[in-house]
Structure formats: C-alpha cells, structure tokens
Amino acid sequence: MERLQKVIAQSGYCSRRKAEELILLGQVKVNGVVVKTLPVMVARGDAITVNGEALLKEDKEYFVLYKPKQVLSSVKDDRGRPCAVDLVQASSRIYPVGRLDYDTSGVLLLSSDGDFTQYLTHPSAGVEKEYAVRVKGHVTKDVLKQMQKGMTLEGETLRPVVVKLIDFDKEKQISKLEMILKEGKNRQIKRMMQAFGYTVTSLRRTRVGPVTLQGLKIGEHRRLKIHEIKQLMLKK
C-alpha cells in the first residue's frame, strides 16, 4: 500500500504537495469514488483518475536521464563499464529506449514499458531528436544543403536533416551545429560529417520529442510527465 499523493507524484502528473491539494479539492477518484481526505492508502492495481485523467499503471515507469559520456546505453556490460540503468532509481526492470554512443552525452529515455520502447525505436515513429554538435573545421553552406536534402551513405539512404550553423570559432577552427533527425541510424551524425571530411569533437543530444535536459545536471534523471509520454506516443 502507498499513500495516494505519493502514487500521483511518482506518475509524473504533479508534485506530491500539489497532489495533496487536488485530493482535498475532490479532483481525485480511486476506483470511481471521489476522495477528499488525507491520508488515503491505495493498492497496486487501483484505478486512479485526476481531473478525469487516468494515471499510468504503476508497473510502468518512464524516465529521462542526462547520460554522461563513457556510460553505455545498456542494462549490463561484461567488461564492467558503467551502464545507464545503474544511474536511475526505478522500482521495476527498465531498459534504454534506443541508444546513445558511449562517448555521446544527453537525453536518454528509459522505461519498463515494452510497447513504449518498441514504438519509439521503430523507424516509422518519426520522433525528432535534436543534437548539439561540434566539429573540426568550417562547415560550408554547400555541406549543410546536402544534408538538408538527404544523402546516400555507404549504400544507405539517409532522410533529410534539419541542420544549421550556430557559430564558427575561427581561432579554434570549430563549427557549432544544431541538428534535428527523425531517424536514428547507427552513428549517423558522425558518419555524415566524416563523409564530408569533418571530425566530430563533441556530440550531445538535447531533445527527444518534447523531452529536454532542462533542470537536469549530467548523470541526473527524472520521471517523465504524463503529457510528455502522450506526446511521444502520438501516432505520426
């Protein structure tokens, strides 16, 4: 048994204090019955609605992690290297939703919901993934245009990429780019830049759909909000 306000907060709907306010205002139902007093204890499997909106089932957990570099997007590693799931406090068995390279930092989603993971990792999902990229050398307008049109790389067709040059440091000869992809081919950004003769020196994923790194420091995580989950699962 858990306190009702704790269950609501863990779902990502709102804070525990706000949940208490909603309960006292009569905006929460448990198994169809309005509750207006505290404390209220609920069991696993109880149907909870807030303002008429059903909470996600308790056994399904959804997180965003600010993955550091030198951390694997996996559950375990036979070489003993740190894994993303080790950085997230979950009550159920969770898995990374897609992956980030070992030396890439940024937004990594993790969940115990297999349907959620399967949908988001399917090529047809089309969920935007935004990256902050640094490369050696000055990336020209012609290169940007080619990536924006789409390209074929090693026999593989890559969809058009939204890309813009944010800054060029003449002294250090470093270009800062912002790139948005709707597919996640293996090492796609690094391979594209390499094809044009550039080397990626830093790569950070700043957004997946509506989910950003806002409020998180490297290595920190939080539960996804209900509206974020629903937006991620919108059928394209």
Protein backbone atom coordinates (compact mmCIF):
# COMPACT_ATOMS: atom_id res chain seq x y z
CA MET A 1 0.00 0.00 0.00
CA GLU A 2 1.16 3.54 -0.81
CA ARG A 3 -0.10 6.99 0.04
CA LEU A 4 -2.29 8.32 -2.77
CA GLN A 5 -0.37 11.59 -3.15
CA LYS A 6 2.90 9.66 -3.48
CA VAL A 7 1.49 7.48 -6.27
CA ILE A 8 0.23 10.55 -8.13
CA ALA A 9 3.61 12.27 -7.80
CA GLN A 10 5.51 9.17 -8.93
CA SER A 11 3.37 9.02 -12.07
CA GLY A 12 4.79 12.39 -13.06
CA TYR A 13 1.41 14.12 -13.01
CA CYS A 14 2.44 16.76 -10.46
CA SER A 15 4.34 17.26 -7.20
CA ARG A 16 3.30 15.50 -4.00
CA ARG A 17 2.17 18.79 -2.45
CA LYS A 18 0.06 19.63 -5.49
CA ALA A 19 -1.42 16.12 -5.39
CA GLU A 20 -2.49 16.70 -1.79
CA GLU A 21 -4.24 19.91 -2.84
CA LEU A 22 -6.06 18.13 -5.67
CA ILE A 23 -7.20 15.38 -3.31
CA LEU A 24 -8.60 17.88 -0.79
CA LEU A 25 -10.38 19.71 -3.65
CA GLY A 26 -12.16 16.48 -4.61
CA GLN A 27 -10.47 16.24 -8.00
CA VAL A 28 -9.14 12.71 -7.47
CA LYS A 29 -11.03 9.43 -7.73
CA VAL A 30 -9.93 5.97 -6.64
CA ASN A 31 -11.83 3.13 -8.29
CA GLY A 32 -14.51 5.62 -9.32
CA VAL A 33 -15.01 7.11 -5.87
CA VAL A 34 -14.08 10.72 -5.08
CA VAL A 35 -11.67 11.07 -2.15
CA LYS A 36 -11.38 14.33 -0.20
CA THR A 37 -9.45 13.40 2.92
CA LEU A 38 -5.88 12.54 3.84
CA PRO A 39 -4.22 10.16 4.33
CA VAL A 40 -5.54 7.74 1.69
CA MET A 41 -3.79 4.46 1.02
CA VAL A 42 -4.06 2.77 -2.36
CA ALA A 43 -3.03 -0.65 -3.60
CA ARG A 44 -1.29 -1.75 -6.76
CA GLY A 45 -3.90 -2.04 -9.47
CA ASP A 46 -6.30 0.59 -8.07
CA ALA A 47 -7.74 2.80 -10.81
CA ILE A 48 -6.80 6.42 -10.09
CA THR A 49 -8.01 9.45 -12.03
CA VAL A 50 -7.08 13.10 -11.56
CA ASN A 51 -9.41 15.67 -13.13
CA GLY A 52 -10.89 12.80 -15.13
CA GLU A 53 -7.47 11.75 -16.49
CA ALA A 54 -6.36 8.20 -15.71
CA LEU A 55 -2.89 7.78 -14.25
CA LEU A 56 -0.48 5.41 -15.91
CA LYS A 57 -0.31 1.95 -14.43
CA GLU A 58 2.05 1.74 -11.51
CA ASP A 59 4.13 -1.04 -13.02
CA LYS A 60 5.10 1.12 -15.99
CA GLU A 61 7.88 3.59 -15.37
CA TYR A 62 9.28 6.24 -17.69
CA PHE A 63 12.45 8.25 -17.14
CA VAL A 64 14.76 10.71 -18.84
CA LEU A 65 18.45 10.52 -17.96
CA TYR A 66 21.12 13.10 -18.74
CA LYS A 67 23.55 10.42 -19.84
CA PRO A 68 27.20 11.25 -19.25
CA LYS A 69 29.95 10.25 -21.66
CA GLN A 70 31.63 6.89 -21.02
CA VAL A 71 28.32 5.32 -19.97
CA LEU A 72 26.74 2.53 -22.02
CA SER A 73 23.12 2.68 -23.16
CA SER A 74 22.53 -0.85 -21.92
CA VAL A 75 21.44 -2.94 -18.95
CA LYS A 76 24.79 -4.59 -18.26
CA ASP A 77 28.31 -4.89 -19.65
CA ASP A 78 30.55 -7.94 -19.50
CA ARG A 79 33.57 -5.64 -19.25
CA GLY A 80 32.27 -3.91 -16.14
CA ARG A 81 31.75 -0.49 -17.70
CA PRO A 82 29.02 1.75 -16.20
CA CYS A 83 25.54 1.38 -17.70
CA ALA A 84 22.68 3.86 -17.95
CA VAL A 85 20.26 1.79 -15.88
CA ASP A 86 22.69 1.93 -12.94
CA LEU A 87 22.12 5.69 -12.74
CA VAL A 88 18.32 5.51 -12.49
CA GLN A 89 16.37 4.62 -9.34
CA ALA A 90 13.44 2.51 -10.52
CA SER A 91 11.16 0.05 -8.77
CA SER A 92 10.81 -2.14 -11.86
CA ARG A 93 13.15 -3.51 -14.51
CA ILE A 94 13.82 -0.74 -17.01
CA TYR A 95 15.55 -0.65 -20.37
CA PRO A 96 17.05 2.13 -22.50
CA VAL A 97 14.72 3.38 -25.24
CA GLY A 98 17.11 3.40 -28.17
CA ARG A 99 20.73 4.25 -27.52
CA LEU A 100 23.41 6.89 -27.38
CA ASP A 101 27.02 6.16 -28.25
CA TYR A 102 29.45 5.51 -25.40
CA ASP A 103 31.14 8.88 -25.95
CA THR A 104 27.89 10.83 -26.53
CA SER A 105 26.00 12.60 -23.74
CA GLY A 106 22.46 13.90 -23.39
CA VAL A 107 18.84 12.81 -23.39
CA LEU A 108 18.34 9.08 -22.95
CA LEU A 109 14.87 7.69 -22.26
CA LEU A 110 14.42 4.56 -20.16
CA SER A 111 11.25 2.61 -19.42
CA SER A 112 9.75 -0.64 -18.23
CA ASP A 113 7.01 -0.32 -20.89
CA GLY A 114 7.87 -2.61 -23.79
CA ASP A 115 5.22 -1.13 -26.10
CA PHE A 116 6.57 2.36 -25.46
CA THR A 117 10.10 1.24 -26.26
CA GLN A 118 9.10 -0.70 -29.35
CA TYR A 119 7.10 2.20 -30.77
CA LEU A 120 9.76 4.86 -30.23
CA THR A 121 12.58 2.74 -31.65
CA HIS A 122 10.66 1.83 -34.82
CA PRO A 123 11.76 3.85 -37.88
CA SER A 124 8.16 4.90 -38.58
CA ALA A 125 7.80 6.74 -35.27
CA GLY A 126 9.47 9.84 -36.67
CA VAL A 127 10.16 11.38 -33.27
CA GLU A 128 12.51 14.35 -33.52
CA LYS A 129 15.93 14.04 -31.91
CA GLU A 130 17.92 17.25 -31.53
CA TYR A 131 21.70 17.40 -31.13
CA ALA A 132 24.34 19.99 -30.30
CA VAL A 133 27.34 19.10 -32.46
CA ARG A 134 30.90 20.41 -32.60
CA VAL A 135 33.21 19.52 -35.49
CA LYS A 136 36.71 20.42 -36.54
CA GLY A 137 36.83 22.84 -39.46
CA HIS A 138 34.41 25.27 -41.05
CA VAL A 139 31.22 23.53 -42.21
CA THR A 140 30.25 25.19 -45.50
CA LYS A 141 26.80 26.13 -46.78
CA ASP A 142 27.12 23.51 -49.53
CA VAL A 143 27.62 20.76 -46.94
CA LEU A 144 24.63 21.98 -44.95
CA LYS A 145 22.46 21.98 -48.07
CA GLN A 146 23.46 18.41 -48.96
CA MET A 147 22.50 17.16 -45.51
CA GLN A 148 19.23 19.09 -45.67
CA LYS A 149 18.34 17.37 -48.95
CA GLY A 150 19.15 13.87 -47.70
CA MET A 151 22.01 11.69 -48.84
CA THR A 152 23.18 8.18 -49.54
CA LEU A 153 25.99 6.87 -47.36
CA GLU A 154 27.64 3.50 -47.88
CA GLY A 155 24.58 2.35 -49.84
CA GLU A 156 22.21 3.52 -47.11
CA THR A 157 19.63 6.23 -47.80
CA LEU A 158 19.50 8.89 -45.09
CA ARG A 159 16.49 11.15 -44.72
CA PRO A 160 16.89 14.96 -44.86
CA VAL A 161 18.30 16.51 -41.71
CA VAL A 162 17.41 19.90 -40.25
CA VAL A 163 20.82 21.46 -39.66
CA LYS A 164 22.15 24.96 -39.10
CA LEU A 165 25.47 26.50 -38.25
CA ILE A 166 25.22 28.18 -34.85
CA ASP A 167 28.77 29.51 -34.61
CA PHE A 168 32.26 29.16 -36.03
CA ASP A 169 35.29 29.74 -33.83
CA LYS A 170 37.99 30.95 -36.23
CA GLU A 171 40.75 30.69 -33.64
CA LYS A 172 39.99 27.11 -32.67
CA GLN A 173 38.58 26.18 -36.10
CA ILE A 174 35.48 24.63 -34.53
CA SER A 175 31.97 24.73 -36.02
CA LYS A 176 28.97 24.50 -33.69
CA LEU A 177 25.92 22.94 -35.30
CA GLU A 178 22.33 22.21 -34.32
CA MET A 179 20.91 19.09 -35.98
CA ILE A 180 17.45 17.53 -35.85
CA LEU A 181 16.94 13.95 -37.03
CA LYS A 182 13.77 11.89 -37.39
CA GLU A 183 15.60 8.61 -37.70
CA GLY A 184 18.33 7.02 -35.64
CA LYS A 185 20.73 5.20 -37.91
CA ASN A 186 23.85 3.87 -36.19
CA ARG A 187 26.41 6.68 -35.62
CA GLN A 188 24.55 8.70 -38.25
CA ILE A 189 25.83 12.19 -37.40
CA LYS A 190 29.45 11.10 -37.05
CA ARG A 191 29.29 9.14 -40.29
CA MET A 192 27.70 12.03 -42.21
CA MET A 193 30.30 14.52 -41.02
CA GLN A 194 33.11 12.07 -41.75
CA ALA A 195 31.80 11.65 -45.29
CA PHE A 196 32.39 15.38 -45.84
CA GLY A 197 35.83 15.27 -44.26
CA TYR A 198 34.93 16.57 -40.79
CA THR A 199 35.61 15.04 -37.38
CA VAL A 200 33.02 15.35 -34.60
CA THR A 201 34.68 16.51 -31.39
CA SER A 202 31.57 16.71 -29.22
CA LEU A 203 28.05 15.34 -29.53
CA ARG A 204 25.18 15.90 -27.12
CA ARG A 205 21.53 15.01 -27.60
CA THR A 206 19.49 17.90 -26.25
CA ARG A 207 15.95 16.76 -27.01
CA VAL A 208 13.80 13.74 -27.88
CA GLY A 209 10.34 14.87 -28.93
CA PRO A 210 9.13 17.18 -26.12
CA VAL A 211 11.69 15.88 -23.61
CA THR A 212 14.73 18.09 -22.95
CA LEU A 213 17.60 18.30 -20.47
CA GLN A 214 16.05 21.26 -18.69
CA GLY A 215 16.52 21.04 -14.92
CA LEU A 216 18.94 18.12 -15.12
CA LYS A 217 22.67 18.01 -14.46
CA ILE A 218 24.92 15.38 -16.03
CA GLY A 219 24.09 11.99 -14.50
CA GLU A 220 20.73 13.11 -13.10
CA HIS A 221 17.32 11.73 -14.06
CA ARG A 222 13.62 12.38 -13.54
CA ARG A 223 10.33 10.71 -14.30
CA LEU A 224 8.59 11.71 -17.50
CA LYS A 225 5.44 13.78 -17.17
CA ILE A 226 2.20 12.27 -18.42
CA HIS A 227 1.87 14.87 -21.18
CA GLU A 228 5.42 14.07 -22.37
CA ILE A 229 4.61 10.37 -22.63
CA LYS A 230 1.40 11.06 -24.52
CA GLN A 231 3.19 13.40 -26.94
CA LEU A 232 5.90 10.81 -27.57
CA MET A 233 3.26 8.18 -28.32
CA LEU A 234 1.27 10.31 -30.76
CA LYS A 235 0.86 8.36 -33.98
CA LYS A 236 2.60 10.10 -36.86
